[in-house]
Amino acid sequence: MPIHRRAWLRHTGRLALAGGLGMPAWQGPRAAEPRGAPASPDDDAQQRPIWLKVRRELFGDRPIQPAGDELLRLELPRRAGDPAFVPLVIRIPPAQAAGRLVRRLWLLIDENPSPIAAIVTPTLASGRADLETRVRVDAYSWVRVVIEIGPDDPGAASELHAVQRFVKASGGCSAAAAADAEQARRTLGQMRLQLPARLVAGQPALLRWQISHPNHSGLAMDPLSRQFTPAHWVRQVLFSDSDRPLLSADVDFSLSENPRLDLHFVPRERGLLQVRVEDSAGLAFRLDQPYQVQP
């Protein structure tokens, strides 16, 4: 997905399937399309042109219901301190007992060059569908989370629910990398997992993951060479426990440099946490970390 100029942003692209991952991305200019007015918290969030495009591409004519706090909460600052590292929390109260499982989750940032920041597929083995991460926000924007809920049966009917919040931030996708370029190359792909001090078998536990990766958007200019740093970002992350899938995520450069993700898993007496990562350059990284529940 070659994106090299700010003029290609927002409403100038077209939605396409990128890299076979099913991850929509913005590609190529279309001069005939208007850029549109800047986003405002006073807008009708459901009528923003970019949202109408993304909604049509991802969900067709399926109804999307507003989500109450009892179903879905999205937490992020109203004004970002650093637009390249905006903290974001998605809270989804457990609903397994009612047969309303989260089958899939979409994280969308309207005004980013690639509005679809992540498509996440949790499993029952994750225990909870809550997520926490850091994102880039390129302009004042509506940030949205859409979840698909239904019984634990792929053939059964499901529902879409959504929540949105407005954030004031600017320039997050074109900000220069914070880390030294040489250091970033040396540590590329190094991962770490952080687990609670005490694990309880059968009870959801917080799993903190981070990878050393610049997640270059292709929009940041090197201050010395005055050249745009080539795009290079994490594309897909797969989490499993002893080959039992926990969660998969197709992601984009809207995740901040050195992407991180906080998720949950349900530990057994002992197991092997496995993380598999692929980036946009075709590089693959892996981490295997054993764990054991203490008596």
C-alpha atoms as a PDB file:
ATOM      1  CA  MET A   1       0.000   0.000   0.000  1.00  0.00           C
ATOM      2  CA  PRO A   2       2.287   2.793  -1.203  1.00  0.00           C
ATOM      3  CA  ILE A   3       1.265   6.031   0.512  1.00  0.00           C
ATOM      4  CA  HIS A   4       3.813   8.787   0.219  1.00  0.00           C
ATOM      5  CA  ARG A   5       2.093  12.159   0.346  1.00  0.00           C
ATOM      6  CA  ARG A   6      -0.357  13.907   2.634  1.00  0.00           C
ATOM      7  CA  ALA A   7      -2.381  14.856  -0.471  1.00  0.00           C
ATOM      8  CA  TRP A   8      -3.413  11.209  -0.680  1.00  0.00           C
ATOM      9  CA  LEU A   9      -5.195  11.338   2.666  1.00  0.00           C
ATOM     10  CA  ARG A  10      -8.773  11.124   3.805  1.00  0.00           C
ATOM     11  CA  HIS A  11     -11.293  11.238   0.947  1.00  0.00           C
ATOM     12  CA  THR A  12      -8.787  10.922  -1.910  1.00  0.00           C
ATOM     13  CA  GLY A  13      -8.427   7.156  -1.867  1.00  0.00           C
ATOM     14  CA  ARG A  14     -10.463   4.128  -2.726  1.00  0.00           C
ATOM     15  CA  LEU A  15     -11.161   1.124  -0.545  1.00  0.00           C
ATOM     16  CA  ALA A  16      -9.430  -2.064  -1.689  1.00  0.00           C
ATOM     17  CA  LEU A  17      -8.382  -5.386  -0.208  1.00  0.00           C
ATOM     18  CA  ALA A  18      -4.726  -5.254   0.749  1.00  0.00           C
ATOM     19  CA  GLY A  19      -2.300  -8.138   0.745  1.00  0.00           C
ATOM     20  CA  GLY A  20      -4.839 -10.928   0.938  1.00  0.00           C
ATOM     21  CA  LEU A  21      -5.381 -10.334   4.658  1.00  0.00           C
ATOM     22  CA  GLY A  22      -8.870  -8.966   4.158  1.00  0.00           C
ATOM     23  CA  MET A  23      -7.633  -5.645   5.517  1.00  0.00           C
ATOM     24  CA  PRO A  24      -9.119  -2.701   3.621  1.00  0.00           C
ATOM     25  CA  ALA A  25      -6.650   0.071   2.846  1.00  0.00           C
ATOM     26  CA  TRP A  26      -6.629   3.378   1.063  1.00  0.00           C
ATOM     27  CA  GLN A  27      -4.874   3.267  -2.283  1.00  0.00           C
ATOM     28  CA  GLY A  28      -4.383   5.791  -5.028  1.00  0.00           C
ATOM     29  CA  PRO A  29      -5.682   9.318  -5.574  1.00  0.00           C
ATOM     30  CA  ARG A  30      -9.051  10.161  -7.089  1.00  0.00           C
ATOM     31  CA  ALA A  31      -8.987  13.854  -7.844  1.00  0.00           C
ATOM     32  CA  ALA A  32     -12.695  13.974  -8.643  1.00  0.00           C
ATOM     33  CA  GLU A  33     -13.648  13.261  -5.036  1.00  0.00           C
ATOM     34  CA  PRO A  34     -13.938  16.262  -2.697  1.00  0.00           C
ATOM     35  CA  ARG A  35     -11.805  16.312   0.379  1.00  0.00           C
ATOM     36  CA  GLY A  36     -14.728  17.265   2.605  1.00  0.00           C
ATOM     37  CA  ALA A  37     -14.993  19.564   5.597  1.00  0.00           C
ATOM     38  CA  PRO A  38     -12.815  18.899   8.643  1.00  0.00           C
ATOM     39  CA  ALA A  39     -14.444  16.725  11.288  1.00  0.00           C
ATOM     40  CA  SER A  40     -16.060  18.396  14.292  1.00  0.00           C
ATOM     41  CA  PRO A  41     -17.589  17.032  17.506  1.00  0.00           C
ATOM     42  CA  ASP A  42     -20.780  18.852  16.451  1.00  0.00           C
ATOM     43  CA  ASP A  43     -21.093  16.709  13.309  1.00  0.00           C
ATOM     44  CA  ASP A  44     -23.703  14.041  12.858  1.00  0.00           C
ATOM     45  CA  ALA A  45     -21.197  11.225  13.305  1.00  0.00           C
ATOM     46  CA  GLN A  46     -23.331   8.803  11.293  1.00  0.00           C
ATOM     47  CA  GLN A  47     -23.313  11.030   8.203  1.00  0.00           C
ATOM     48  CA  ARG A  48     -19.580  11.668   7.885  1.00  0.00           C
ATOM     49  CA  PRO A  49     -18.674  10.820   4.233  1.00  0.00           C
ATOM     50  CA  ILE A  50     -15.678   8.702   5.156  1.00  0.00           C
ATOM     51  CA  TRP A  51     -17.748   6.652   7.616  1.00  0.00           C
ATOM     52  CA  LEU A  52     -20.440   6.057   5.004  1.00  0.00           C
ATOM     53  CA  LYS A  53     -17.788   4.672   2.642  1.00  0.00           C
ATOM     54  CA  VAL A  54     -16.154   2.459   5.234  1.00  0.00           C
ATOM     55  CA  ARG A  55     -19.503   1.236   6.522  1.00  0.00           C
ATOM     56  CA  ARG A  56     -20.661   0.304   3.032  1.00  0.00           C
ATOM     57  CA  GLU A  57     -17.411  -1.547   2.284  1.00  0.00           C
ATOM     58  CA  LEU A  58     -17.254  -3.483   5.551  1.00  0.00           C
ATOM     59  CA  PHE A  59     -20.885  -4.071   6.457  1.00  0.00           C
ATOM     60  CA  GLY A  60     -22.993  -3.495   3.366  1.00  0.00           C
ATOM     61  CA  ASP A  61     -26.578  -2.721   4.349  1.00  0.00           C
ATOM     62  CA  ARG A  62     -26.485  -4.570   7.686  1.00  0.00           C
ATOM     63  CA  PRO A  63     -28.042  -2.539  10.521  1.00  0.00           C
ATOM     64  CA  ILE A  64     -25.655  -1.266  13.194  1.00  0.00           C
ATOM     65  CA  GLN A  65     -27.192  -0.570  16.582  1.00  0.00           C
ATOM     66  CA  PRO A  66     -25.825   2.007  19.057  1.00  0.00           C
ATOM     67  CA  ALA A  67     -24.132   0.228  21.949  1.00  0.00           C
ATOM     68  CA  GLY A  68     -24.848   1.132  25.552  1.00  0.00           C
ATOM     69  CA  ASP A  69     -22.198   1.047  28.274  1.00  0.00           C
ATOM     70  CA  GLU A  70     -23.503  -2.316  29.434  1.00  0.00           C
ATOM     71  CA  LEU A  71     -22.352  -3.790  26.116  1.00  0.00           C
ATOM     72  CA  LEU A  72     -19.410  -1.736  24.857  1.00  0.00           C
ATOM     73  CA  ARG A  73     -17.293   1.172  26.103  1.00  0.00           C
ATOM     74  CA  LEU A  74     -14.598   3.106  24.268  1.00  0.00           C
ATOM     75  CA  GLU A  75     -12.192   5.189  26.348  1.00  0.00           C
ATOM     76  CA  LEU A  76      -9.712   7.694  24.926  1.00  0.00           C
ATOM     77  CA  PRO A  77      -8.780  11.313  25.689  1.00  0.00           C
ATOM     78  CA  ARG A  78     -10.871  14.117  24.242  1.00  0.00           C
ATOM     79  CA  ARG A  79      -7.636  15.907  23.320  1.00  0.00           C
ATOM     80  CA  ALA A  80      -4.494  13.866  22.692  1.00  0.00           C
ATOM     81  CA  GLY A  81      -1.290  14.848  24.439  1.00  0.00           C
ATOM     82  CA  ASP A  82       0.743  13.170  21.683  1.00  0.00           C
ATOM     83  CA  PRO A  83      -1.152  12.389  18.433  1.00  0.00           C
ATOM     84  CA  ALA A  84       1.303   9.590  17.612  1.00  0.00           C
ATOM     85  CA  PHE A  85       0.624   7.780  20.921  1.00  0.00           C
ATOM     86  CA  VAL A  86      -3.044   8.124  21.813  1.00  0.00           C
ATOM     87  CA  PRO A  87      -4.094   5.636  24.522  1.00  0.00           C
ATOM     88  CA  LEU A  88      -7.267   3.728  23.698  1.00  0.00           C
ATOM     89  CA  VAL A  89      -9.239   1.207  25.763  1.00  0.00           C
ATOM     90  CA  ILE A  90     -12.115  -1.010  24.603  1.00  0.00           C
ATOM     91  CA  ARG A  91     -14.170  -2.560  27.401  1.00  0.00           C
ATOM     92  CA  ILE A  92     -16.704  -5.290  26.675  1.00  0.00           C
ATOM     93  CA  PRO A  93     -18.468  -6.803  29.709  1.00  0.00           C
ATOM     94  CA  PRO A  94     -18.543 -10.624  29.497  1.00  0.00           C
ATOM     95  CA  ALA A  95     -21.709 -11.942  27.877  1.00  0.00           C
ATOM     96  CA  GLN A  96     -20.863 -15.614  27.271  1.00  0.00           C
ATOM     97  CA  ALA A  97     -23.557 -16.833  29.674  1.00  0.00           C
ATOM     98  CA  ALA A  98     -26.235 -15.223  27.523  1.00  0.00           C
ATOM     99  CA  GLY A  99     -24.822 -16.760  24.350  1.00  0.00           C
ATOM    100  CA  ARG A 100     -23.792 -13.355  23.018  1.00  0.00           C
ATOM    101  CA  LEU A 101     -20.171 -13.839  22.090  1.00  0.00           C
ATOM    102  CA  VAL A 102     -17.980 -11.230  20.424  1.00  0.00           C
ATOM    103  CA  ARG A 103     -17.165 -12.783  17.072  1.00  0.00           C
ATOM    104  CA  ARG A 104     -15.269  -9.829  15.626  1.00  0.00           C
ATOM    105  CA  LEU A 105     -14.275  -6.269  16.434  1.00  0.00           C
ATOM    106  CA  TRP A 106     -13.391  -3.370  14.128  1.00  0.00           C
ATOM    107  CA  LEU A 107     -11.414  -0.319  15.270  1.00  0.00           C
ATOM    108  CA  LEU A 108     -11.914   2.635  12.901  1.00  0.00           C
ATOM    109  CA  ILE A 109     -10.348   6.113  12.861  1.00  0.00           C
ATOM    110  CA  ASP A 110     -12.264   8.141  10.282  1.00  0.00           C
ATOM    111  CA  GLU A 111      -9.714  10.782   9.328  1.00  0.00           C
ATOM    112  CA  ASN A 112      -6.612   8.591   9.217  1.00  0.00           C
ATOM    113  CA  PRO A 113      -5.072   7.761   5.826  1.00  0.00           C
ATOM    114  CA  SER A 114      -6.160   4.168   6.403  1.00  0.00           C
ATOM    115  CA  PRO A 115      -9.344   4.410   8.494  1.00  0.00           C
ATOM    116  CA  ILE A 116      -9.504   0.710   9.371  1.00  0.00           C
ATOM    117  CA  ALA A 117      -6.950   0.516  12.171  1.00  0.00           C
ATOM    118  CA  ALA A 118      -7.639  -3.069  13.236  1.00  0.00           C
ATOM    119  CA  ILE A 119      -9.917  -6.044  12.672  1.00  0.00           C
ATOM    120  CA  VAL A 120      -9.796  -8.359  15.680  1.00  0.00           C
ATOM    121  CA  THR A 121     -11.177 -11.884  16.036  1.00  0.00           C
ATOM    122  CA  PRO A 122     -11.230 -13.137  19.647  1.00  0.00           C
ATOM    123  CA  THR A 123     -12.053 -16.679  20.754  1.00  0.00           C
ATOM    124  CA  LEU A 124     -13.653 -18.178  23.843  1.00  0.00           C
ATOM    125  CA  ALA A 125     -10.148 -19.037  25.055  1.00  0.00           C
ATOM    126  CA  SER A 126      -9.449 -15.329  25.496  1.00  0.00           C
ATOM    127  CA  GLY A 127     -12.065 -15.133  28.240  1.00  0.00           C
ATOM    128  CA  ARG A 128     -12.714 -11.434  27.722  1.00  0.00           C
ATOM    129  CA  ALA A 129     -12.786  -9.331  24.557  1.00  0.00           C
ATOM    130  CA  ASP A 130     -11.387  -6.196  26.272  1.00  0.00           C
ATOM    131  CA  LEU A 131      -8.456  -4.567  24.455  1.00  0.00           C
ATOM    132  CA  GLU A 132      -6.047  -1.735  25.129  1.00  0.00           C
ATOM    133  CA  THR A 133      -3.546  -0.183  22.726  1.00  0.00           C
ATOM    134  CA  ARG A 134      -2.059   3.099  21.451  1.00  0.00           C
ATOM    135  CA  VAL A 135      -2.966   4.633  18.104  1.00  0.00           C
ATOM    136  CA  ARG A 136      -1.984   7.430  15.755  1.00  0.00           C
ATOM    137  CA  VAL A 137      -4.600  10.061  14.974  1.00  0.00           C
ATOM    138  CA  ASP A 138      -3.866  12.242  11.953  1.00  0.00           C
ATOM    139  CA  ALA A 139      -6.615  14.867  12.294  1.00  0.00           C
ATOM    140  CA  TYR A 140      -9.610  15.748  14.446  1.00  0.00           C
ATOM    141  CA  SER A 141     -11.614  12.585  14.039  1.00  0.00           C
ATOM    142  CA  TRP A 142     -14.371  10.270  15.130  1.00  0.00           C
ATOM    143  CA  VAL A 143     -12.958   7.022  16.487  1.00  0.00           C
ATOM    144  CA  ARG A 144     -15.314   4.044  16.309  1.00  0.00           C
ATOM    145  CA  VAL A 145     -15.553   0.484  17.537  1.00  0.00           C
ATOM    146  CA  VAL A 146     -17.973  -1.935  15.891  1.00  0.00           C
ATOM    147  CA  ILE A 147     -18.526  -5.397  17.342  1.00  0.00           C
ATOM    148  CA  GLU A 148     -20.315  -8.411  15.910  1.00  0.00           C
ATOM    149  CA  ILE A 149     -22.165 -10.401  18.570  1.00  0.00           C
ATOM    150  CA  GLY A 150     -23.905 -13.752  18.238  1.00  0.00           C
ATOM    151  CA  PRO A 151     -24.068 -17.344  19.489  1.00  0.00           C
ATOM    152  CA  ASP A 152     -20.989 -19.570  19.366  1.00  0.00           C
ATOM    153  CA  ASP A 153     -22.099 -20.914  16.013  1.00  0.00           C
ATOM    154  CA  PRO A 154     -20.729 -19.350  12.801  1.00  0.00           C
ATOM    155  CA  GLY A 155     -23.948 -20.175  10.977  1.00  0.00           C
ATOM    156  CA  ALA A 156     -26.218 -18.449  13.486  1.00  0.00           C
ATOM    157  CA  ALA A 157     -27.481 -14.893  13.052  1.00  0.00           C
ATOM    158  CA  SER A 158     -25.411 -12.083  14.572  1.00  0.00           C
ATOM    159  CA  GLU A 159     -25.831  -8.395  15.382  1.00  0.00           C
ATOM    160  CA  LEU A 160     -23.628  -5.351  14.904  1.00  0.00           C
ATOM    161  CA  HIS A 161     -23.259  -2.756  17.655  1.00  0.00           C
ATOM    162  CA  ALA A 162     -21.111   0.381  17.640  1.00  0.00           C
ATOM    163  CA  VAL A 163     -19.860   3.235  19.758  1.00  0.00           C
ATOM    164  CA  GLN A 164     -17.918   6.330  18.743  1.00  0.00           C
ATOM    165  CA  ARG A 165     -15.934   9.076  20.460  1.00  0.00           C
ATOM    166  CA  PHE A 166     -14.452  12.299  19.084  1.00  0.00           C
ATOM    167  CA  VAL A 167     -10.757  13.024  19.630  1.00  0.00           C
ATOM    168  CA  LYS A 168      -8.840  16.220  18.950  1.00  0.00           C
ATOM    169  CA  ALA A 169      -5.418  15.328  17.557  1.00  0.00           C
ATOM    170  CA  SER A 170      -3.388  16.257  14.500  1.00  0.00           C
ATOM    171  CA  GLY A 171      -0.344  14.916  12.664  1.00  0.00           C
ATOM    172  CA  GLY A 172      -0.016  11.524  14.320  1.00  0.00           C
ATOM    173  CA  CYS A 173       0.502   9.576  11.085  1.00  0.00           C
ATOM    174  CA  SER A 174       3.165  11.917   9.708  1.00  0.00           C
ATOM    175  CA  ALA A 175       5.129  12.378  12.934  1.00  0.00           C
ATOM    176  CA  ALA A 176       8.772  11.308  12.801  1.00  0.00           C
ATOM    177  CA  ALA A 177       9.693   8.121  14.640  1.00  0.00           C
ATOM    178  CA  ALA A 178      10.660   8.614  18.260  1.00  0.00           C
ATOM    179  CA  ALA A 179      13.329   5.886  18.279  1.00  0.00           C
ATOM    180  CA  ASP A 180      16.780   6.097  16.700  1.00  0.00           C
ATOM    181  CA  ALA A 181      16.655   4.456  13.260  1.00  0.00           C
ATOM    182  CA  GLU A 182      19.739   2.294  13.818  1.00  0.00           C
ATOM    183  CA  GLN A 183      18.519   1.115  17.186  1.00  0.00           C
ATOM    184  CA  ALA A 184      15.117   0.319  15.657  1.00  0.00           C
ATOM    185  CA  ARG A 185      16.794  -1.848  13.011  1.00  0.00           C
ATOM    186  CA  ARG A 186      18.799  -3.759  15.629  1.00  0.00           C
ATOM    187  CA  THR A 187      15.762  -4.538  17.769  1.00  0.00           C
ATOM    188  CA  LEU A 188      13.236  -5.066  14.961  1.00  0.00           C
ATOM    189  CA  GLY A 189      10.795  -7.820  15.829  1.00  0.00           C
ATOM    190  CA  GLN A 190      11.838  -8.298  19.444  1.00  0.00           C
ATOM    191  CA  MET A 191       8.745  -9.019  21.549  1.00  0.00           C
ATOM    192  CA  ARG A 192       7.841  -9.216  25.182  1.00  0.00           C
ATOM    193  CA  LEU A 193       4.899 -10.645  27.078  1.00  0.00           C
ATOM    194  CA  GLN A 194       4.020  -9.546  30.581  1.00  0.00           C
ATOM    195  CA  LEU A 195       1.817 -11.762  32.755  1.00  0.00           C
ATOM    196  CA  PRO A 196       0.298 -11.202  36.202  1.00  0.00           C
ATOM    197  CA  ALA A 197       2.412 -12.306  39.158  1.00  0.00           C
ATOM    198  CA  ARG A 198      -0.240 -14.889  40.012  1.00  0.00           C
ATOM    199  CA  LEU A 199      -2.275 -16.867  37.494  1.00  0.00           C
ATOM    200  CA  VAL A 200      -5.482 -18.688  38.410  1.00  0.00           C
ATOM    201  CA  ALA A 201      -6.430 -21.622  36.198  1.00  0.00           C
ATOM    202  CA  GLY A 202      -9.721 -21.000  34.423  1.00  0.00           C
ATOM    203  CA  GLN A 203      -9.861 -17.282  35.288  1.00  0.00           C
ATOM    204  CA  PRO A 204      -9.190 -14.606  32.599  1.00  0.00           C
ATOM    205  CA  ALA A 205      -5.753 -13.030  33.051  1.00  0.00           C
ATOM    206  CA  LEU A 206      -4.342  -9.863  31.531  1.00  0.00           C
ATOM    207  CA  LEU A 207      -1.679 -10.395  28.873  1.00  0.00           C
ATOM    208  CA  ARG A 208       0.453  -7.406  27.836  1.00  0.00           C
ATOM    209  CA  TRP A 209       2.240  -7.706  24.486  1.00  0.00           C
ATOM    210  CA  GLN A 210       4.606  -5.331  22.720  1.00  0.00           C
ATOM    211  CA  ILE A 211       6.882  -5.592  19.689  1.00  0.00           C
ATOM    212  CA  SER A 212       9.810  -3.426  18.666  1.00  0.00           C
ATOM    213  CA  HIS A 213       8.775  -2.172  15.243  1.00  0.00           C
ATOM    214  CA  PRO A 214       8.782   1.368  13.759  1.00  0.00           C
ATOM    215  CA  ASN A 215       5.358   0.872  12.138  1.00  0.00           C
ATOM    216  CA  HIS A 216       6.274   3.485   9.539  1.00  0.00           C
ATOM    217  CA  SER A 217       3.251   4.935   7.774  1.00  0.00           C
ATOM    218  CA  GLY A 218       5.192   6.183   4.742  1.00  0.00           C
ATOM    219  CA  LEU A 219       4.014   9.733   5.529  1.00  0.00           C
ATOM    220  CA  ALA A 220       6.843  10.846   7.818  1.00  0.00           C
ATOM    221  CA  MET A 221       9.732  12.854   6.385  1.00  0.00           C
ATOM    222  CA  ASP A 222      13.277  12.238   7.577  1.00  0.00           C
ATOM    223  CA  PRO A 223      14.463  15.639   8.893  1.00  0.00           C
ATOM    224  CA  LEU A 224      18.010  15.074   7.604  1.00  0.00           C
ATOM    225  CA  SER A 225      17.502  13.521   4.177  1.00  0.00           C
ATOM    226  CA  ARG A 226      14.164  15.280   3.508  1.00  0.00           C
ATOM    227  CA  GLN A 227      12.963  11.977   2.074  1.00  0.00           C
ATOM    228  CA  PHE A 228       9.835  10.120   3.145  1.00  0.00           C
ATOM    229  CA  THR A 229      10.613   7.051   5.237  1.00  0.00           C
ATOM    230  CA  PRO A 230       9.267   3.993   3.358  1.00  0.00           C
ATOM    231  CA  ALA A 231       6.110   2.451   4.774  1.00  0.00           C
ATOM    232  CA  HIS A 232       6.778  -0.589   6.959  1.00  0.00           C
ATOM    233  CA  TRP A 233       4.274  -1.735   9.538  1.00  0.00           C
ATOM    234  CA  VAL A 234       2.946  -4.745  11.435  1.00  0.00           C
ATOM    235  CA  ARG A 235       0.111  -6.365   9.468  1.00  0.00           C
ATOM    236  CA  GLN A 236      -1.035  -9.393  11.405  1.00  0.00           C
ATOM    237  CA  VAL A 237      -0.688 -10.737  14.933  1.00  0.00           C
ATOM    238  CA  LEU A 238      -1.805 -14.187  16.063  1.00  0.00           C
ATOM    239  CA  PHE A 239      -1.981 -15.207  19.733  1.00  0.00           C
ATOM    240  CA  SER A 240      -2.393 -18.798  20.895  1.00  0.00           C
ATOM    241  CA  ASP A 241      -1.936 -20.943  23.993  1.00  0.00           C
ATOM    242  CA  SER A 242      -0.338 -24.308  23.230  1.00  0.00           C
ATOM    243  CA  ASP A 243      -1.749 -24.109  19.667  1.00  0.00           C
ATOM    244  CA  ARG A 244      -5.209 -23.176  21.005  1.00  0.00           C
ATOM    245  CA  PRO A 245      -6.126 -19.891  19.222  1.00  0.00           C
ATOM    246  CA  LEU A 246      -6.719 -16.927  21.532  1.00  0.00           C
ATOM    247  CA  LEU A 247      -7.033 -13.930  19.236  1.00  0.00           C
ATOM    248  CA  SER A 248      -6.046 -12.784  15.755  1.00  0.00           C
ATOM    249  CA  ALA A 249      -5.675  -9.183  14.633  1.00  0.00           C
ATOM    250  CA  ASP A 250      -5.197  -7.647  11.198  1.00  0.00           C
ATOM    251  CA  VAL A 251      -3.720  -4.237  11.938  1.00  0.00           C
ATOM    252  CA  ASP A 252      -2.398  -1.177  10.173  1.00  0.00           C
ATOM    253  CA  PHE A 253       0.018   1.697  10.680  1.00  0.00           C
ATOM    254  CA  SER A 254      -2.663   3.504  12.688  1.00  0.00           C
ATOM    255  CA  LEU A 255      -1.189   1.575  15.614  1.00  0.00           C
ATOM    256  CA  SER A 256       1.622   3.550  17.190  1.00  0.00           C
ATOM    257  CA  GLU A 257       5.332   2.906  16.834  1.00  0.00           C
ATOM    258  CA  ASN A 258       6.361  -0.228  18.769  1.00  0.00           C
ATOM    259  CA  PRO A 259       2.785  -1.565  18.705  1.00  0.00           C
ATOM    260  CA  ARG A 260       1.345  -2.865  21.948  1.00  0.00           C
ATOM    261  CA  LEU A 261      -1.822  -4.717  22.771  1.00  0.00           C
ATOM    262  CA  ASP A 262      -3.303  -5.671  26.117  1.00  0.00           C
ATOM    263  CA  LEU A 263      -5.688  -8.612  25.914  1.00  0.00           C
ATOM    264  CA  HIS A 264      -6.854 -11.533  28.055  1.00  0.00           C
ATOM    265  CA  PHE A 265      -6.447 -15.291  28.083  1.00  0.00           C
ATOM    266  CA  VAL A 266      -7.743 -18.112  30.268  1.00  0.00           C
ATOM    267  CA  PRO A 267      -4.713 -20.017  31.610  1.00  0.00           C
ATOM    268  CA  ARG A 268      -4.661 -23.744  32.172  1.00  0.00           C
ATOM    269  CA  GLU A 269      -2.431 -25.482  34.735  1.00  0.00           C
ATOM    270  CA  ARG A 270       0.459 -24.976  32.353  1.00  0.00           C
ATOM    271  CA  GLY A 271       0.832 -23.909  28.758  1.00  0.00           C
ATOM    272  CA  LEU A 272       2.861 -22.186  26.086  1.00  0.00           C
ATOM    273  CA  LEU A 273       1.883 -18.709  24.955  1.00  0.00           C
ATOM    274  CA  GLN A 274       2.695 -18.245  21.281  1.00  0.00           C
ATOM    275  CA  VAL A 275       2.738 -15.016  19.272  1.00  0.00           C
ATOM    276  CA  ARG A 276       3.196 -14.945  15.498  1.00  0.00           C
ATOM    277  CA  VAL A 277       3.664 -11.633  13.691  1.00  0.00           C
ATOM    278  CA  GLU A 278       3.911 -10.712  10.014  1.00  0.00           C
ATOM    279  CA  ASP A 279       4.738  -7.235   8.728  1.00  0.00           C
ATOM    280  CA  SER A 280       4.182  -5.408   5.443  1.00  0.00           C
ATOM    281  CA  ALA A 281       7.678  -6.345   4.200  1.00  0.00           C
ATOM    282  CA  GLY A 282       6.869 -10.044   4.567  1.00  0.00           C
ATOM    283  CA  LEU A 283       9.071 -10.439   7.652  1.00  0.00           C
ATOM    284  CA  ALA A 284       7.837 -12.923  10.251  1.00  0.00           C
ATOM    285  CA  PHE A 285       8.557 -12.893  13.972  1.00  0.00           C
ATOM    286  CA  ARG A 286       7.640 -15.352  16.713  1.00  0.00           C
ATOM    287  CA  LEU A 287       7.735 -15.626  20.477  1.00  0.00           C
ATOM    288  CA  ASP A 288       7.061 -18.699  22.627  1.00  0.00           C
ATOM    289  CA  GLN A 289       6.757 -18.189  26.370  1.00  0.00           C
ATOM    290  CA  PRO A 290       5.827 -21.004  28.769  1.00  0.00           C
ATOM    291  CA  TYR A 291       3.727 -20.372  31.856  1.00  0.00           C
ATOM    292  CA  GLN A 292       2.588 -22.393  34.834  1.00  0.00           C
ATOM    293  CA  VAL A 293      -0.089 -21.715  37.410  1.00  0.00           C
ATOM    294  CA  GLN A 294       1.391 -21.592  40.900  1.00  0.00           C
ATOM    295  CA  PRO A 295      -0.322 -23.790  43.531  1.00  0.00           C
END
